[in-house]
PDB file of N, CA and C in Angstrom:
ATOM      1  N   MET A   1     -13.416  58.533 -68.110  1.00  0.00           N
ATOM      2  CA  MET A   1     -14.338  57.456 -67.807  1.00  0.00           C
ATOM      3  C   MET A   1     -14.070  56.897 -66.409  1.00  0.00           C
ATOM      4  N   VAL A   2     -12.826  56.903 -66.001  1.00  0.00           N
ATOM      5  CA  VAL A   2     -12.478  56.375 -64.683  1.00  0.00           C
ATOM      6  C   VAL A   2     -13.142  57.195 -63.582  1.00  0.00           C
ATOM      7  N   GLY A   3     -13.338  58.480 -63.803  1.00  0.00           N
ATOM      8  CA  GLY A   3     -13.951  59.338 -62.807  1.00  0.00           C
ATOM      9  C   GLY A   3     -15.461  59.424 -62.873  1.00  0.00           C
ATOM     10  N   ALA A   4     -16.080  58.699 -63.793  1.00  0.00           N
ATOM     11  CA  ALA A   4     -17.545  58.752 -63.910  1.00  0.00           C
ATOM     12  C   ALA A   4     -18.184  58.170 -62.658  1.00  0.00           C
ATOM     13  N   PRO A   5     -19.199  58.849 -62.100  1.00  0.00           N
ATOM     14  CA  PRO A   5     -19.856  58.324 -60.905  1.00  0.00           C
ATOM     15  C   PRO A   5     -20.575  56.999 -61.145  1.00  0.00           C
ATOM     16  N   VAL A   6     -21.042  56.791 -62.374  1.00  0.00           N
ATOM     17  CA  VAL A   6     -21.754  55.553 -62.715  1.00  0.00           C
ATOM     18  C   VAL A   6     -21.214  55.043 -64.048  1.00  0.00           C
ATOM     19  N   VAL A   7     -20.914  53.761 -64.098  1.00  0.00           N
ATOM     20  CA  VAL A   7     -20.539  53.119 -65.356  1.00  0.00           C
ATOM     21  C   VAL A   7     -21.471  51.928 -65.533  1.00  0.00           C
ATOM     22  N   LEU A   8     -22.319  52.014 -66.557  1.00  0.00           N
ATOM     23  CA  LEU A   8     -23.259  50.936 -66.845  1.00  0.00           C
ATOM     24  C   LEU A   8     -22.681  50.016 -67.903  1.00  0.00           C
ATOM     25  N   LEU A   9     -22.834  48.727 -67.703  1.00  0.00           N
ATOM     26  CA  LEU A   9     -22.484  47.742 -68.713  1.00  0.00           C
ATOM     27  C   LEU A   9     -23.778  47.086 -69.153  1.00  0.00           C
ATOM     28  N   VAL A  10     -24.035  47.097 -70.441  1.00  0.00           N
ATOM     29  CA  VAL A  10     -25.269  46.539 -70.983  1.00  0.00           C
ATOM     30  C   VAL A  10     -24.916  45.265 -71.743  1.00  0.00           C
ATOM     31  N   PHE A  11     -25.632  44.194 -71.425  1.00  0.00           N
ATOM     32  CA  PHE A  11     -25.434  42.907 -72.084  1.00  0.00           C
ATOM     33  C   PHE A  11     -26.729  42.478 -72.759  1.00  0.00           C
ATOM     34  N   LEU A  12     -26.590  41.712 -73.843  1.00  0.00           N
ATOM     35  CA  LEU A  12     -27.722  41.195 -74.598  1.00  0.00           C
ATOM     36  C   LEU A  12     -27.784  39.686 -74.409  1.00  0.00           C
ATOM     37  N   ASP A  13     -28.942  39.176 -74.021  1.00  0.00           N
ATOM     38  CA  ASP A  13     -29.134  37.736 -73.851  1.00  0.00           C
ATOM     39  C   ASP A  13     -29.273  37.092 -75.227  1.00  0.00           C
ATOM     40  N   LEU A  14     -28.246  36.376 -75.649  1.00  0.00           N
ATOM     41  CA  LEU A  14     -28.247  35.774 -76.980  1.00  0.00           C
ATOM     42  C   LEU A  14     -29.299  34.687 -77.136  1.00  0.00           C
ATOM     43  N   ALA A  15     -29.803  34.157 -76.020  1.00  0.00           N
ATOM     44  CA  ALA A  15     -30.861  33.144 -76.092  1.00  0.00           C
ATOM     45  C   ALA A  15     -32.183  33.774 -76.533  1.00  0.00           C
ATOM     46  N   CYS A  16     -32.308  35.091 -76.397  1.00  0.00           N
ATOM     47  CA  CYS A  16     -33.555  35.781 -76.740  1.00  0.00           C
ATOM     48  C   CYS A  16     -33.428  36.671 -77.972  1.00  0.00           C
ATOM     49  N   ALA A  17     -32.216  36.890 -78.457  1.00  0.00           N
ATOM     50  CA  ALA A  17     -31.999  37.849 -79.536  1.00  0.00           C
ATOM     51  C   ALA A  17     -32.320  37.243 -80.900  1.00  0.00           C
ATOM     52  N   ALA A  18     -32.973  38.030 -81.723  1.00  0.00           N
ATOM     53  CA  ALA A  18     -33.219  37.633 -83.112  1.00  0.00           C
ATOM     54  C   ALA A  18     -32.001  38.052 -83.931  1.00  0.00           C
ATOM     55  N   SER A  19     -31.506  37.146 -84.739  1.00  0.00           N
ATOM     56  CA  SER A  19     -30.336  37.436 -85.557  1.00  0.00           C
ATOM     57  C   SER A  19     -30.555  36.869 -86.952  1.00  0.00           C
ATOM     58  N   PHE A  20     -31.398  37.529 -87.695  1.00  0.00           N
ATOM     59  CA  PHE A  20     -31.763  37.046 -89.017  1.00  0.00           C
ATOM     60  C   PHE A  20     -30.630  37.162 -90.030  1.00  0.00           C
ATOM     61  N   ASP A  21     -29.543  37.845 -89.660  1.00  0.00           N
ATOM     62  CA  ASP A  21     -28.419  37.976 -90.576  1.00  0.00           C
ATOM     63  C   ASP A  21     -27.240  37.079 -90.199  1.00  0.00           C
ATOM     64  N   SER A  22     -27.446  36.144 -89.298  1.00  0.00           N
ATOM     65  CA  SER A  22     -26.345  35.305 -88.815  1.00  0.00           C
ATOM     66  C   SER A  22     -25.737  34.411 -89.890  1.00  0.00           C
ATOM     67  N   GLU A  23     -26.464  34.112 -90.952  1.00  0.00           N
ATOM     68  CA  GLU A  23     -25.947  33.247 -92.015  1.00  0.00           C
ATOM     69  C   GLU A  23     -25.279  34.030 -93.146  1.00  0.00           C
ATOM     70  N   LEU A  24     -25.333  35.353 -93.093  1.00  0.00           N
ATOM     71  CA  LEU A  24     -24.692  36.153 -94.133  1.00  0.00           C
ATOM     72  C   LEU A  24     -23.181  36.168 -93.934  1.00  0.00           C
ATOM     73  N   ASP A  25     -22.458  36.384 -95.000  1.00  0.00           N
ATOM     74  CA  ASP A  25     -20.999  36.393 -94.963  1.00  0.00           C
ATOM     75  C   ASP A  25     -20.479  37.802 -94.641  1.00  0.00           C
ATOM     76  N   ARG A  26     -20.870  38.298 -93.486  1.00  0.00           N
ATOM     77  CA  ARG A  26     -20.438  39.617 -93.012  1.00  0.00           C
ATOM     78  C   ARG A  26     -20.726  39.705 -91.523  1.00  0.00           C
ATOM     79  N   VAL A  27     -20.277  40.768 -90.917  1.00  0.00           N
ATOM     80  CA  VAL A  27     -20.553  41.013 -89.504  1.00  0.00           C
ATOM     81  C   VAL A  27     -22.050  41.230 -89.330  1.00  0.00           C
ATOM     82  N   GLY A  28     -22.664  40.581 -88.352  1.00  0.00           N
ATOM     83  CA  GLY A  28     -24.090  40.739 -88.101  1.00  0.00           C
ATOM     84  C   GLY A  28     -24.405  42.068 -87.433  1.00  0.00           C
ATOM     85  N   VAL A  29     -25.494  42.687 -87.828  1.00  0.00           N
ATOM     86  CA  VAL A  29     -25.919  43.944 -87.215  1.00  0.00           C
ATOM     87  C   VAL A  29     -27.346  43.884 -86.690  1.00  0.00           C
ATOM     88  N   ILE A  30     -28.108  42.878 -87.069  1.00  0.00           N
ATOM     89  CA  ILE A  30     -29.523  42.794 -86.722  1.00  0.00           C
ATOM     90  C   ILE A  30     -29.747  42.684 -85.214  1.00  0.00           C
ATOM     91  N   SER A  31     -28.929  41.928 -84.521  1.00  0.00           N
ATOM     92  CA  SER A  31     -29.134  41.733 -83.079  1.00  0.00           C
ATOM     93  C   SER A  31     -29.106  43.052 -82.309  1.00  0.00           C
ATOM     94  N   GLY A  32     -28.327  44.011 -82.770  1.00  0.00           N
ATOM     95  CA  GLY A  32     -28.259  45.306 -82.103  1.00  0.00           C
ATOM     96  C   GLY A  32     -29.554  46.088 -82.162  1.00  0.00           C
ATOM     97  N   CYS A  33     -30.413  45.737 -83.100  1.00  0.00           N
ATOM     98  CA  CYS A  33     -31.687  46.451 -83.235  1.00  0.00           C
ATOM     99  C   CYS A  33     -32.557  46.302 -81.998  1.00  0.00           C
ATOM    100  N   SER A  34     -32.346  45.263 -81.221  1.00  0.00           N
ATOM    101  CA  SER A  34     -33.170  45.071 -80.042  1.00  0.00           C
ATOM    102  C   SER A  34     -32.546  45.675 -78.783  1.00  0.00           C
ATOM    103  N   ILE A  35     -31.241  45.897 -78.755  1.00  0.00           N
ATOM    104  CA  ILE A  35     -30.618  46.382 -77.529  1.00  0.00           C
ATOM    105  C   ILE A  35     -30.284  47.880 -77.577  1.00  0.00           C
ATOM    106  N   TYR A  36     -29.937  48.409 -78.748  1.00  0.00           N
ATOM    107  CA  TYR A  36     -29.516  49.805 -78.783  1.00  0.00           C
ATOM    108  C   TYR A  36     -30.642  50.809 -78.574  1.00  0.00           C
ATOM    109  N   PRO A  37     -31.886  50.518 -78.932  1.00  0.00           N
ATOM    110  CA  PRO A  37     -32.961  51.425 -78.501  1.00  0.00           C
ATOM    111  C   PRO A  37     -33.071  51.468 -76.963  1.00  0.00           C
ATOM    112  N   PHE A  38     -32.820  50.345 -76.312  1.00  0.00           N
ATOM    113  CA  PHE A  38     -32.809  50.310 -74.846  1.00  0.00           C
ATOM    114  C   PHE A  38     -31.698  51.210 -74.308  1.00  0.00           C
ATOM    115  N   VAL A  39     -30.512  51.128 -74.909  1.00  0.00           N
ATOM    116  CA  VAL A  39     -29.388  51.976 -74.503  1.00  0.00           C
ATOM    117  C   VAL A  39     -29.764  53.453 -74.682  1.00  0.00           C
ATOM    118  N   TRP A  40     -30.397  53.767 -75.802  1.00  0.00           N
ATOM    119  CA  TRP A  40     -30.827  55.142 -76.065  1.00  0.00           C
ATOM    120  C   TRP A  40     -31.823  55.608 -75.005  1.00  0.00           C
ATOM    121  N   ASN A  41     -32.744  54.740 -74.617  1.00  0.00           N
ATOM    122  CA  ASN A  41     -33.718  55.101 -73.575  1.00  0.00           C
ATOM    123  C   ASN A  41     -33.039  55.356 -72.237  1.00  0.00           C
ATOM    124  N   ILE A  42     -31.991  54.613 -71.940  1.00  0.00           N
ATOM    125  CA  ILE A  42     -31.207  54.871 -70.723  1.00  0.00           C
ATOM    126  C   ILE A  42     -30.640  56.284 -70.774  1.00  0.00           C
ATOM    127  N   LEU A  43     -30.085  56.651 -71.921  1.00  0.00           N
ATOM    128  CA  LEU A  43     -29.500  57.986 -72.068  1.00  0.00           C
ATOM    129  C   LEU A  43     -30.551  59.082 -71.971  1.00  0.00           C
ATOM    130  N   LEU A  44     -31.734  58.856 -72.557  1.00  0.00           N
ATOM    131  CA  LEU A  44     -32.812  59.842 -72.452  1.00  0.00           C
ATOM    132  C   LEU A  44     -33.284  59.994 -71.007  1.00  0.00           C
ATOM    133  N   ALA A  45     -33.420  58.903 -70.302  1.00  0.00           N
ATOM    134  CA  ALA A  45     -33.837  58.960 -68.895  1.00  0.00           C
ATOM    135  C   ALA A  45     -32.779  59.664 -68.051  1.00  0.00           C
ATOM    136  N   ALA A  46     -31.517  59.374 -68.319  1.00  0.00           N
ATOM    137  CA  ALA A  46     -30.436  60.028 -67.582  1.00  0.00           C
ATOM    138  C   ALA A  46     -30.457  61.536 -67.829  1.00  0.00           C
ATOM    139  N   ARG A  47     -30.648  61.930 -69.070  1.00  0.00           N
ATOM    140  CA  ARG A  47     -30.701  63.363 -69.395  1.00  0.00           C
ATOM    141  C   ARG A  47     -31.856  64.043 -68.663  1.00  0.00           C
ATOM    142  N   ASN A  48     -32.980  63.365 -68.583  1.00  0.00           N
ATOM    143  CA  ASN A  48     -34.134  63.911 -67.865  1.00  0.00           C
ATOM    144  C   ASN A  48     -33.808  64.174 -66.398  1.00  0.00           C
ATOM    145  N   GLU A  49     -32.878  63.407 -65.858  1.00  0.00           N
ATOM    146  CA  GLU A  49     -32.484  63.568 -64.455  1.00  0.00           C
ATOM    147  C   GLU A  49     -31.245  64.452 -64.293  1.00  0.00           C
ATOM    148  N   GLY A  50     -30.796  65.069 -65.401  1.00  0.00           N
ATOM    149  CA  GLY A  50     -29.655  65.981 -65.332  1.00  0.00           C
ATOM    150  C   GLY A  50     -28.306  65.326 -65.545  1.00  0.00           C
ATOM    151  N   TYR A  51     -28.289  64.094 -66.023  1.00  0.00           N
ATOM    152  CA  TYR A  51     -27.035  63.388 -66.273  1.00  0.00           C
ATOM    153  C   TYR A  51     -26.778  63.280 -67.769  1.00  0.00           C
ATOM    154  N   GLY A  52     -25.557  63.025 -68.109  1.00  0.00           N
ATOM    155  CA  GLY A  52     -25.191  62.814 -69.496  1.00  0.00           C
ATOM    156  C   GLY A  52     -24.313  61.583 -69.598  1.00  0.00           C
ATOM    157  N   GLY A  53     -24.252  61.034 -70.771  1.00  0.00           N
ATOM    158  CA  GLY A  53     -23.414  59.865 -70.991  1.00  0.00           C
ATOM    159  C   GLY A  53     -23.287  59.597 -72.471  1.00  0.00           C
ATOM    160  N   THR A  54     -22.468  58.638 -72.784  1.00  0.00           N
ATOM    161  CA  THR A  54     -22.301  58.247 -74.178  1.00  0.00           C
ATOM    162  C   THR A  54     -22.034  56.746 -74.236  1.00  0.00           C
ATOM    163  N   PRO A  55     -22.701  56.057 -75.145  1.00  0.00           N
ATOM    164  CA  PRO A  55     -22.445  54.625 -75.250  1.00  0.00           C
ATOM    165  C   PRO A  55     -21.140  54.372 -76.012  1.00  0.00           C
ATOM    166  N   THR A  56     -20.403  53.388 -75.589  1.00  0.00           N
ATOM    167  CA  THR A  56     -19.189  52.993 -76.272  1.00  0.00           C
ATOM    168  C   THR A  56     -19.112  51.474 -76.282  1.00  0.00           C
ATOM    169  N   THR A  57     -18.423  50.949 -77.255  1.00  0.00           N
ATOM    170  CA  THR A  57     -18.261  49.495 -77.357  1.00  0.00           C
ATOM    171  C   THR A  57     -16.793  49.100 -77.283  1.00  0.00           C
ATOM    172  N   PHE A  58     -15.937  50.013 -76.832  1.00  0.00           N
ATOM    173  CA  PHE A  58     -14.507  49.736 -76.868  1.00  0.00           C
ATOM    174  C   PHE A  58     -14.104  48.552 -75.989  1.00  0.00           C
ATOM    175  N   ALA A  59     -14.940  48.159 -75.047  1.00  0.00           N
ATOM    176  CA  ALA A  59     -14.607  47.027 -74.168  1.00  0.00           C
ATOM    177  C   ALA A  59     -14.949  45.680 -74.802  1.00  0.00           C
ATOM    178  N   ALA A  60     -15.542  45.680 -75.980  1.00  0.00           N
ATOM    179  CA  ALA A  60     -15.966  44.426 -76.628  1.00  0.00           C
ATOM    180  C   ALA A  60     -14.849  43.393 -76.775  1.00  0.00           C
ATOM    181  N   PRO A  61     -13.627  43.786 -77.120  1.00  0.00           N
ATOM    182  CA  PRO A  61     -12.580  42.767 -77.227  1.00  0.00           C
ATOM    183  C   PRO A  61     -12.281  42.059 -75.893  1.00  0.00           C
ATOM    184  N   GLN A  62     -12.716  42.651 -74.793  1.00  0.00           N
ATOM    185  CA  GLN A  62     -12.495  42.064 -73.466  1.00  0.00           C
ATOM    186  C   GLN A  62     -13.772  41.443 -72.898  1.00  0.00           C
ATOM    187  N   GLU A  63     -14.698  41.057 -73.771  1.00  0.00           N
ATOM    188  CA  GLU A  63     -15.983  40.512 -73.328  1.00  0.00           C
ATOM    189  C   GLU A  63     -15.803  39.350 -72.346  1.00  0.00           C
ATOM    190  N   ARG A  64     -14.962  38.398 -72.677  1.00  0.00           N
ATOM    191  CA  ARG A  64     -14.763  37.228 -71.813  1.00  0.00           C
ATOM    192  C   ARG A  64     -14.255  37.661 -70.437  1.00  0.00           C
ATOM    193  N   ALA A  65     -13.305  38.592 -70.387  1.00  0.00           N
ATOM    194  CA  ALA A  65     -12.785  39.082 -69.107  1.00  0.00           C
ATOM    195  C   ALA A  65     -13.872  39.791 -68.310  1.00  0.00           C
ATOM    196  N   LEU A  66     -14.724  40.578 -68.985  1.00  0.00           N
ATOM    197  CA  LEU A  66     -15.842  41.241 -68.309  1.00  0.00           C
ATOM    198  C   LEU A  66     -16.808  40.216 -67.726  1.00  0.00           C
ATOM    199  N   GLN A  67     -17.122  39.195 -68.509  1.00  0.00           N
ATOM    200  CA  GLN A  67     -18.029  38.147 -68.033  1.00  0.00           C
ATOM    201  C   GLN A  67     -17.467  37.475 -66.787  1.00  0.00           C
ATOM    202  N   GLN A  68     -16.187  37.152 -66.823  1.00  0.00           N
ATOM    203  CA  GLN A  68     -15.568  36.488 -65.678  1.00  0.00           C
ATOM    204  C   GLN A  68     -15.490  37.404 -64.465  1.00  0.00           C
ATOM    205  N   LEU A  69     -15.075  38.644 -64.674  1.00  0.00           N
ATOM    206  CA  LEU A  69     -14.946  39.607 -63.580  1.00  0.00           C
ATOM    207  C   LEU A  69     -16.271  39.874 -62.882  1.00  0.00           C
ATOM    208  N   LEU A  70     -17.357  39.961 -63.674  1.00  0.00           N
ATOM    209  CA  LEU A  70     -18.659  40.344 -63.137  1.00  0.00           C
ATOM    210  C   LEU A  70     -19.615  39.168 -62.935  1.00  0.00           C
ATOM    211  N   GLY A  71     -19.183  37.958 -63.265  1.00  0.00           N
ATOM    212  CA  GLY A  71     -20.053  36.791 -63.103  1.00  0.00           C
ATOM    213  C   GLY A  71     -21.195  36.768 -64.095  1.00  0.00           C
ATOM    214  N   VAL A  72     -20.967  37.290 -65.289  1.00  0.00           N
ATOM    215  CA  VAL A  72     -22.002  37.349 -66.320  1.00  0.00           C
ATOM    216  C   VAL A  72     -22.050  36.005 -67.054  1.00  0.00           C
ATOM    217  N   PRO A  73     -23.236  35.403 -67.206  1.00  0.00           N
ATOM    218  CA  PRO A  73     -23.346  34.122 -67.914  1.00  0.00           C
ATOM    219  C   PRO A  73     -22.838  34.213 -69.350  1.00  0.00           C
ATOM    220  N   GLU A  74     -22.378  33.100 -69.868  1.00  0.00           N
ATOM    221  CA  GLU A  74     -21.767  33.046 -71.193  1.00  0.00           C
ATOM    222  C   GLU A  74     -22.719  33.445 -72.324  1.00  0.00           C
ATOM    223  N   GLN A  75     -24.014  33.201 -72.162  1.00  0.00           N
ATOM    224  CA  GLN A  75     -24.947  33.531 -73.254  1.00  0.00           C
ATOM    225  C   GLN A  75     -25.250  35.028 -73.334  1.00  0.00           C
ATOM    226  N   MET A  76     -24.703  35.810 -72.421  1.00  0.00           N
ATOM    227  CA  MET A  76     -24.905  37.258 -72.426  1.00  0.00           C
ATOM    228  C   MET A  76     -23.759  37.925 -73.185  1.00  0.00           C
ATOM    229  N   ALA A  77     -24.089  38.649 -74.248  1.00  0.00           N
ATOM    230  CA  ALA A  77     -23.082  39.326 -75.070  1.00  0.00           C
ATOM    231  C   ALA A  77     -22.963  40.784 -74.648  1.00  0.00           C
ATOM    232  N   PHE A  78     -21.734  41.258 -74.527  1.00  0.00           N
ATOM    233  CA  PHE A  78     -21.506  42.668 -74.203  1.00  0.00           C
ATOM    234  C   PHE A  78     -22.047  43.527 -75.333  1.00  0.00           C
ATOM    235  N   ALA A  79     -22.818  44.564 -75.002  1.00  0.00           N
ATOM    236  CA  ALA A  79     -23.396  45.441 -76.017  1.00  0.00           C
ATOM    237  C   ALA A  79     -22.918  46.883 -75.890  1.00  0.00           C
ATOM    238  N   ALA A  80     -22.760  47.384 -74.665  1.00  0.00           N
ATOM    239  CA  ALA A  80     -22.362  48.789 -74.503  1.00  0.00           C
ATOM    240  C   ALA A  80     -21.840  49.052 -73.104  1.00  0.00           C
ATOM    241  N   LEU A  81     -20.950  50.017 -73.026  1.00  0.00           N
ATOM    242  CA  LEU A  81     -20.474  50.556 -71.756  1.00  0.00           C
ATOM    243  C   LEU A  81     -20.881  52.025 -71.768  1.00  0.00           C
ATOM    244  N   ILE A  82     -21.572  52.455 -70.716  1.00  0.00           N
ATOM    245  CA  ILE A  82     -22.089  53.824 -70.669  1.00  0.00           C
ATOM    246  C   ILE A  82     -21.612  54.512 -69.390  1.00  0.00           C
ATOM    247  N   PRO A  83     -20.623  55.409 -69.495  1.00  0.00           N
ATOM    248  CA  PRO A  83     -20.271  56.217 -68.323  1.00  0.00           C
ATOM    249  C   PRO A  83     -21.314  57.332 -68.182  1.00  0.00           C
ATOM    250  N   LEU A  84     -21.810  57.533 -66.978  1.00  0.00           N
ATOM    251  CA  LEU A  84     -22.806  58.571 -66.718  1.00  0.00           C
ATOM    252  C   LEU A  84     -22.296  59.535 -65.656  1.00  0.00           C
ATOM    253  N   GLY A  85     -22.611  60.792 -65.838  1.00  0.00           N
ATOM    254  CA  GLY A  85     -22.246  61.801 -64.850  1.00  0.00           C
ATOM    255  C   GLY A  85     -22.969  63.095 -65.147  1.00  0.00           C
ATOM    256  N   ARG A  86     -22.760  64.079 -64.297  1.00  0.00           N
ATOM    257  CA  ARG A  86     -23.358  65.394 -64.523  1.00  0.00           C
ATOM    258  C   ARG A  86     -22.478  66.151 -65.512  1.00  0.00           C
ATOM    259  N   PRO A  87     -23.047  66.575 -66.632  1.00  0.00           N
ATOM    260  CA  PRO A  87     -22.235  67.293 -67.616  1.00  0.00           C
ATOM    261  C   PRO A  87     -21.845  68.680 -67.129  1.00  0.00           C
ATOM    262  N   VAL A  88     -20.691  69.145 -67.584  1.00  0.00           N
ATOM    263  CA  VAL A  88     -20.250  70.501 -67.255  1.00  0.00           C
ATOM    264  C   VAL A  88     -21.238  71.504 -67.824  1.00  0.00           C
ATOM    265  N   LYS A  89     -21.740  71.202 -69.032  1.00  0.00           N
ATOM    266  CA  LYS A  89     -22.719  72.066 -69.693  1.00  0.00           C
ATOM    267  C   LYS A  89     -23.757  71.168 -70.362  1.00  0.00           C
ATOM    268  N   GLN A  90     -25.020  71.400 -70.072  1.00  0.00           N
ATOM    269  CA  GLN A  90     -26.093  70.626 -70.705  1.00  0.00           C
ATOM    270  C   GLN A  90     -26.399  71.263 -72.057  1.00  0.00           C
ATOM    271  N   LEU A  91     -26.179  70.524 -73.123  1.00  0.00           N
ATOM    272  CA  LEU A  91     -26.453  71.045 -74.457  1.00  0.00           C
ATOM    273  C   LEU A  91     -27.956  71.172 -74.657  1.00  0.00           C
ATOM    274  N   THR A  92     -28.367  72.278 -75.236  1.00  0.00           N
ATOM    275  CA  THR A  92     -29.795  72.481 -75.462  1.00  0.00           C
ATOM    276  C   THR A  92     -30.131  72.656 -76.929  1.00  0.00           C
ATOM    277  N   LYS A  93     -29.179  73.123 -77.735  1.00  0.00           N
ATOM    278  CA  LYS A  93     -29.455  73.305 -79.153  1.00  0.00           C
ATOM    279  C   LYS A  93     -28.435  72.493 -79.943  1.00  0.00           C
ATOM    280  N   LEU A  94     -28.952  71.581 -80.733  1.00  0.00           N
ATOM    281  CA  LEU A  94     -28.099  70.756 -81.562  1.00  0.00           C
ATOM    282  C   LEU A  94     -28.247  71.175 -83.015  1.00  0.00           C
ATOM    283  N   SER A  95     -27.188  71.043 -83.772  1.00  0.00           N
ATOM    284  CA  SER A  95     -27.288  71.333 -85.199  1.00  0.00           C
ATOM    285  C   SER A  95     -27.298  70.009 -85.950  1.00  0.00           C
ATOM    286  N   ARG A  96     -28.172  69.912 -86.916  1.00  0.00           N
ATOM    287  CA  ARG A  96     -28.308  68.688 -87.699  1.00  0.00           C
ATOM    288  C   ARG A  96     -28.432  69.039 -89.168  1.00  0.00           C
ATOM    289  N   LYS A  97     -27.957  68.120 -89.977  1.00  0.00           N
ATOM    290  CA  LYS A  97     -28.118  68.285 -91.417  1.00  0.00           C
ATOM    291  C   LYS A  97     -29.582  68.093 -91.773  1.00  0.00           C
ATOM    292  N   PRO A  98     -30.041  68.774 -92.816  1.00  0.00           N
ATOM    293  CA  PRO A  98     -31.411  68.525 -93.281  1.00  0.00           C
ATOM    294  C   PRO A  98     -31.539  67.073 -93.760  1.00  0.00           C
ATOM    295  N   VAL A  99     -32.701  66.494 -93.568  1.00  0.00           N
ATOM    296  CA  VAL A  99     -32.947  65.102 -93.936  1.00  0.00           C
ATOM    297  C   VAL A  99     -32.600  64.854 -95.399  1.00  0.00           C
ATOM    298  N   GLU A 100     -32.937  65.797 -96.262  1.00  0.00           N
ATOM    299  CA  GLU A 100     -32.691  65.576 -97.692  1.00  0.00           C
ATOM    300  C   GLU A 100     -31.200  65.493 -98.033  1.00  0.00           C
ATOM    301  N   ASP A 101     -30.317  65.861 -97.092  1.00  0.00           N
ATOM    302  CA  ASP A 101     -28.879  65.723 -97.326  1.00  0.00           C
ATOM    303  C   ASP A 101     -28.394  64.282 -97.174  1.00  0.00           C
ATOM    304  N   PHE A 102     -29.188  63.427 -96.519  1.00  0.00           N
ATOM    305  CA  PHE A 102     -28.700  62.061 -96.308  1.00  0.00           C
ATOM    306  C   PHE A 102     -29.740  60.966 -96.515  1.00  0.00           C
ATOM    307  N   ALA A 103     -30.976  61.300 -96.827  1.00  0.00           N
ATOM    308  CA  ALA A 103     -32.016  60.288 -97.034  1.00  0.00           C
ATOM    309  C   ALA A 103     -32.529  60.374 -98.472  1.00  0.00           C
ATOM    310  N   VAL A 104     -32.731  59.190 -99.066  1.00  0.00           N
ATOM    311  CA  VAL A 104     -33.190  59.131-100.450  1.00  0.00           C
ATOM    312  C   VAL A 104     -34.403  58.216-100.559  1.00  0.00           C
ATOM    313  N   LEU A 105     -35.095  58.337-101.683  1.00  0.00           N
ATOM    314  CA  LEU A 105     -36.286  57.530-101.949  1.00  0.00           C
ATOM    315  C   LEU A 105     -35.965  56.350-102.860  1.00  0.00           C
ATOM    316  N   GLU A 106     -36.602  55.224-102.596  1.00  0.00           N
ATOM    317  CA  GLU A 106     -36.650  54.069-103.484  1.00  0.00           C
ATOM    318  C   GLU A 106     -35.338  53.315-103.687  1.00  0.00           C
ATOM    319  N   ARG A 107     -34.236  54.012-103.944  1.00  0.00           N
ATOM    320  CA  ARG A 107     -32.954  53.365-104.249  1.00  0.00           C
ATOM    321  C   ARG A 107     -31.819  54.161-103.620  1.00  0.00           C
ATOM    322  N   TRP A 108     -30.654  53.523-103.519  1.00  0.00           N
ATOM    323  CA  TRP A 108     -29.477  54.182-102.962  1.00  0.00           C
ATOM    324  C   TRP A 108     -29.172  55.471-103.725  1.00  0.00           C
ATOM    325  N   ASP A 109     -29.343  55.426-105.039  1.00  0.00           N
ATOM    326  CA  ASP A 109     -29.065  56.596-105.869  1.00  0.00           C
ATOM    327  C   ASP A 109     -30.353  57.345-106.249  1.00  0.00           C
ATOM    328  N   GLY A 110     -31.411  57.140-105.467  1.00  0.00           N
ATOM    329  CA  GLY A 110     -32.697  57.773-105.739  1.00  0.00           C
ATOM    330  C   GLY A 110     -32.715  59.244-105.393  1.00  0.00           C
ATOM    331  N   PRO A 111     -33.837  59.901-105.695  1.00  0.00           N
ATOM    332  CA  PRO A 111     -33.956  61.331-105.387  1.00  0.00           C
ATOM    333  C   PRO A 111     -33.983  61.571-103.874  1.00  0.00           C
ATOM    334  N   ALA A 112     -33.541  62.742-103.489  1.00  0.00           N
ATOM    335  CA  ALA A 112     -33.511  63.105-102.065  1.00  0.00           C
ATOM    336  C   ALA A 112     -34.914  63.100-101.477  1.00  0.00           C
ATOM    337  N   LEU A 113     -35.010  62.648-100.241  1.00  0.00           N
ATOM    338  CA  LEU A 113     -36.274  62.683 -99.515  1.00  0.00           C
ATOM    339  C   LEU A 113     -36.514  64.116 -99.074  1.00  0.00           C
ATOM    340  N   GLY A 114     -37.614  64.672 -99.525  1.00  0.00           N
ATOM    341  CA  GLY A 114     -37.947  66.048 -99.160  1.00  0.00           C
ATOM    342  C   GLY A 114     -39.038  66.057 -98.108  1.00  0.00           C
ATOM    343  N   PRO A 115     -39.606  67.215 -97.862  1.00  0.00           N
ATOM    344  CA  PRO A 115     -40.699  67.301 -96.887  1.00  0.00           C
ATOM    345  C   PRO A 115     -41.864  66.398 -97.291  1.00  0.00           C
ATOM    346  N   ILE A 116     -42.486  65.785 -96.326  1.00  0.00           N
ATOM    347  CA  ILE A 116     -43.625  64.909 -96.589  1.00  0.00           C
ATOM    348  C   ILE A 116     -44.837  65.753 -96.918  1.00  0.00           C
ATOM    349  N   GLN A 117     -45.451  65.418 -98.026  1.00  0.00           N
ATOM    350  CA  GLN A 117     -46.647  66.143 -98.478  1.00  0.00           C
ATOM    351  C   GLN A 117     -47.883  65.416 -97.982  1.00  0.00           C
ATOM    352  N   GLU A 118     -48.766  66.147 -97.314  1.00  0.00           N
ATOM    353  CA  GLU A 118     -50.018  65.529 -96.849  1.00  0.00           C
ATOM    354  C   GLU A 118     -50.958  65.344 -98.022  1.00  0.00           C
ATOM    355  N   GLN A 119     -51.636  64.209 -98.025  1.00  0.00           N
ATOM    356  CA  GLN A 119     -52.591  63.949 -99.101  1.00  0.00           C
ATOM    357  C   GLN A 119     -53.990  64.307 -98.631  1.00  0.00           C
ATOM    358  N   ASP A 120     -54.788  64.823 -99.560  1.00  0.00           N
ATOM    359  CA  ASP A 120     -56.180  65.184 -99.220  1.00  0.00           C
ATOM    360  C   ASP A 120     -57.044  63.974 -99.170  1.00  0.00           C
TER     361      ASP A 120
END
């Protein structure tokens, strides 16, 4: 990561973020729904230009230090660190599990989601 030509830091403005799970007795995940698609779009755009990267959140415990170092306002929450560079090899074929191996219908223990049938 130290040798990456570009290191992007992505922050989320907490004044604008929806957090409908903030009152639940667990770690909130809803706020990420608005920022991580943006992070994904950054990665797609980078790939289109011949670059590769991966989002990481390992710097989150140092959020306050990052804010101070970079002059980031307090209402901005650290969301991702993305090192970008030219990959040694651009992957073109990915292997994925079939959807029915991990998606189900109606309930957690419901039947596997199979191919979608078109209705007449």
